Each structure stands twice: as C-alpha cells, then as structure tokens.
C-alpha cells in the first residue's frame, strides 16, 4: 500500500520552489497586541524547517 499524506502535516507545512520546507512560526495567533511591532513583522513570514527535521517530514508530506 502507498503511504498516506499526514493531514496535520499538509495543513502546517508547505514546500518551496527550491524544495525546502516552510512552516508558520510560533506565537503568531493571539495576544498580538502585547507584542512589539517589529516582533509581529518578523513573525509575518514563515520559518524554514530545520535540516534535521526536514528529512523525516518530507516522507509524510
């Protein structure tokens, strides 16, 4: 049987054009009014998945 894609992983992780994996960083959903403007701007983009985790995650996407 083929391995199924993990639904949780496909909702949270996306593959870039170069093949790297990106995800949304932490502390981005609520209580944003207490965080500084620069912190909110830095969190606006995604973060790359660490190389150690990327190999395992590519098999579930």
N, C-alpha and C. Protein backbone atom coordinates (compact mmCIF):
# COMPACT_ATOMS: atom_id res chain seq x y z
N UNK A 1 0.82 -1.18 0.00
CA UNK A 1 0.00 0.00 0.00
C UNK A 1 0.87 1.26 0.00
N UNK A 2 0.35 2.30 -0.61
CA UNK A 2 1.06 3.57 -0.60
C UNK A 2 0.93 4.24 0.76
N UNK A 3 1.94 5.04 1.09
CA UNK A 3 1.88 5.78 2.34
C UNK A 3 0.98 7.01 2.15
N UNK A 4 0.07 7.20 3.09
CA UNK A 4 -0.85 8.33 3.01
C UNK A 4 -0.17 9.60 3.51
N UNK A 5 -0.58 10.74 2.97
CA UNK A 5 -0.12 12.02 3.46
C UNK A 5 -0.76 12.31 4.81
N UNK A 6 0.05 12.77 5.76
CA UNK A 6 -0.48 13.12 7.08
C UNK A 6 -1.25 14.43 6.96
N UNK A 7 -2.51 14.41 7.33
CA UNK A 7 -3.36 15.59 7.20
C UNK A 7 -2.84 16.75 8.04
N UNK A 8 -2.32 16.47 9.22
CA UNK A 8 -1.81 17.54 10.08
C UNK A 8 -0.59 18.20 9.44
N UNK A 9 0.25 17.42 8.79
CA UNK A 9 1.46 17.96 8.17
C UNK A 9 1.13 18.80 6.94
N UNK A 10 0.19 18.38 6.14
CA UNK A 10 -0.12 19.12 4.92
C UNK A 10 -0.81 20.45 5.23
N UNK A 11 -1.44 20.57 6.41
CA UNK A 11 -2.06 21.83 6.80
C UNK A 11 -1.03 22.82 7.33
N UNK A 12 0.09 22.35 7.85
CA UNK A 12 1.04 23.20 8.54
C UNK A 12 2.33 23.46 7.77
N UNK A 13 2.69 22.59 6.87
CA UNK A 13 3.99 22.66 6.20
C UNK A 13 3.77 22.73 4.70
N UNK A 14 4.55 23.61 4.04
CA UNK A 14 4.49 23.68 2.57
C UNK A 14 5.90 23.62 2.02
N UNK A 15 5.99 23.18 0.78
CA UNK A 15 7.27 23.04 0.11
C UNK A 15 7.50 24.26 -0.79
N UNK A 16 8.71 24.83 -0.72
CA UNK A 16 9.04 25.98 -1.54
C UNK A 16 9.44 25.51 -2.94
N UNK A 17 9.69 26.46 -3.81
CA UNK A 17 10.10 26.13 -5.17
C UNK A 17 11.43 25.41 -5.23
N UNK A 18 12.33 25.72 -4.29
CA UNK A 18 13.64 25.08 -4.27
C UNK A 18 13.63 23.74 -3.53
N UNK A 19 12.47 23.36 -2.95
CA UNK A 19 12.36 22.07 -2.29
C UNK A 19 12.48 22.12 -0.79
N UNK A 20 12.76 23.30 -0.23
CA UNK A 20 12.85 23.42 1.22
C UNK A 20 11.44 23.42 1.82
N UNK A 21 11.36 23.12 3.11
CA UNK A 21 10.08 23.08 3.79
C UNK A 21 9.92 24.33 4.65
N UNK A 22 8.74 24.95 4.57
CA UNK A 22 8.43 26.13 5.38
C UNK A 22 7.20 25.86 6.22
N UNK A 23 7.18 26.50 7.38
CA UNK A 23 6.02 26.41 8.25
C UNK A 23 5.82 27.75 8.93
N UNK A 24 4.66 27.94 9.52
CA UNK A 24 4.39 29.17 10.25
C UNK A 24 5.05 29.07 11.61
N UNK A 25 5.74 30.12 12.02
CA UNK A 25 6.41 30.12 13.31
C UNK A 25 5.44 30.20 14.47
N UNK A 26 5.96 30.02 15.66
CA UNK A 26 5.14 30.04 16.87
C UNK A 26 4.80 31.48 17.27
N UNK A 27 3.88 31.62 18.20
CA UNK A 27 3.48 32.90 18.80
C UNK A 27 2.94 33.85 17.75
N UNK A 28 2.00 33.39 16.94
CA UNK A 28 1.52 34.19 15.82
C UNK A 28 0.00 34.34 15.81
N UNK A 29 -0.72 33.67 16.68
CA UNK A 29 -2.17 33.62 16.56
C UNK A 29 -2.94 34.61 17.43
N UNK A 30 -2.58 34.75 18.68
CA UNK A 30 -3.36 35.62 19.55
C UNK A 30 -2.42 36.32 20.54
N UNK A 31 -2.97 37.28 21.29
CA UNK A 31 -2.20 38.11 22.22
C UNK A 31 -1.14 38.93 21.48
N UNK A 32 -1.47 39.37 20.27
CA UNK A 32 -0.51 40.11 19.46
C UNK A 32 -0.41 41.57 19.88
N UNK A 33 -1.40 42.08 20.58
CA UNK A 33 -1.35 43.49 20.97
C UNK A 33 -0.26 43.76 21.99
N UNK A 34 0.13 42.76 22.76
CA UNK A 34 1.19 42.94 23.75
C UNK A 34 2.58 42.78 23.16
N UNK A 35 2.67 42.33 21.92
CA UNK A 35 3.97 42.15 21.27
C UNK A 35 4.33 43.40 20.48
N UNK A 36 5.62 43.65 20.33
CA UNK A 36 6.05 44.86 19.64
C UNK A 36 5.80 44.74 18.14
N UNK A 37 5.84 45.88 17.47
CA UNK A 37 5.58 45.92 16.04
C UNK A 37 6.65 45.13 15.27
N UNK A 38 7.91 45.27 15.69
CA UNK A 38 8.98 44.56 14.99
C UNK A 38 8.85 43.05 15.17
N UNK A 39 8.42 42.62 16.35
CA UNK A 39 8.22 41.18 16.58
C UNK A 39 7.13 40.64 15.68
N UNK A 40 6.03 41.39 15.56
CA UNK A 40 4.93 40.95 14.70
C UNK A 40 5.35 40.91 13.25
N UNK A 41 6.15 41.87 12.82
CA UNK A 41 6.61 41.89 11.42
C UNK A 41 7.56 40.74 11.13
N UNK A 42 8.42 40.42 12.07
CA UNK A 42 9.35 39.30 11.88
C UNK A 42 8.62 37.97 11.80
N UNK A 43 7.51 37.87 12.53
CA UNK A 43 6.74 36.62 12.52
C UNK A 43 5.80 36.53 11.34
N UNK A 44 5.70 37.60 10.53
CA UNK A 44 4.74 37.62 9.42
C UNK A 44 5.08 36.56 8.38
N UNK A 45 6.35 36.39 8.07
CA UNK A 45 6.74 35.37 7.11
C UNK A 45 6.85 34.02 7.78
N UNK A 46 7.11 33.00 7.03
CA UNK A 46 7.29 31.68 7.60
C UNK A 46 8.72 31.46 8.03
N UNK A 47 8.96 30.31 8.62
CA UNK A 47 10.30 29.91 9.01
C UNK A 47 10.62 28.59 8.32
N UNK A 48 11.89 28.40 8.00
CA UNK A 48 12.30 27.15 7.37
C UNK A 48 12.41 26.06 8.42
N UNK A 49 12.04 24.86 8.03
CA UNK A 49 12.16 23.71 8.91
C UNK A 49 13.64 23.35 9.02
N UNK A 50 14.08 22.98 10.22
CA UNK A 50 15.47 22.61 10.43
C UNK A 50 15.83 21.39 9.58
N UNK A 51 17.09 21.33 9.16
CA UNK A 51 17.53 20.25 8.27
C UNK A 51 17.33 18.88 8.90
N UNK A 52 17.52 18.79 10.20
CA UNK A 52 17.36 17.50 10.89
C UNK A 52 15.93 16.99 10.83
N UNK A 53 14.97 17.90 10.87
CA UNK A 53 13.57 17.51 10.83
C UNK A 53 13.05 17.38 9.41
N UNK A 54 13.69 18.06 8.47
CA UNK A 54 13.18 18.11 7.10
C UNK A 54 13.13 16.73 6.45
N UNK A 55 14.13 15.92 6.69
CA UNK A 55 14.18 14.60 6.06
C UNK A 55 13.00 13.74 6.50
N UNK A 56 12.68 13.77 7.78
CA UNK A 56 11.56 12.98 8.29
C UNK A 56 10.22 13.53 7.80
N UNK A 57 10.12 14.85 7.71
CA UNK A 57 8.85 15.46 7.31
C UNK A 57 8.56 15.31 5.83
N UNK A 58 9.60 15.20 5.01
CA UNK A 58 9.37 15.04 3.57
C UNK A 58 8.67 13.72 3.26
N UNK A 59 8.85 12.74 4.13
CA UNK A 59 8.21 11.44 3.88
C UNK A 59 6.72 11.45 4.21
N UNK A 60 6.27 12.41 5.04
CA UNK A 60 4.85 12.44 5.40
C UNK A 60 4.06 13.45 4.61
N UNK A 61 4.74 14.27 3.83
CA UNK A 61 4.02 15.27 3.01
C UNK A 61 3.70 14.68 1.66
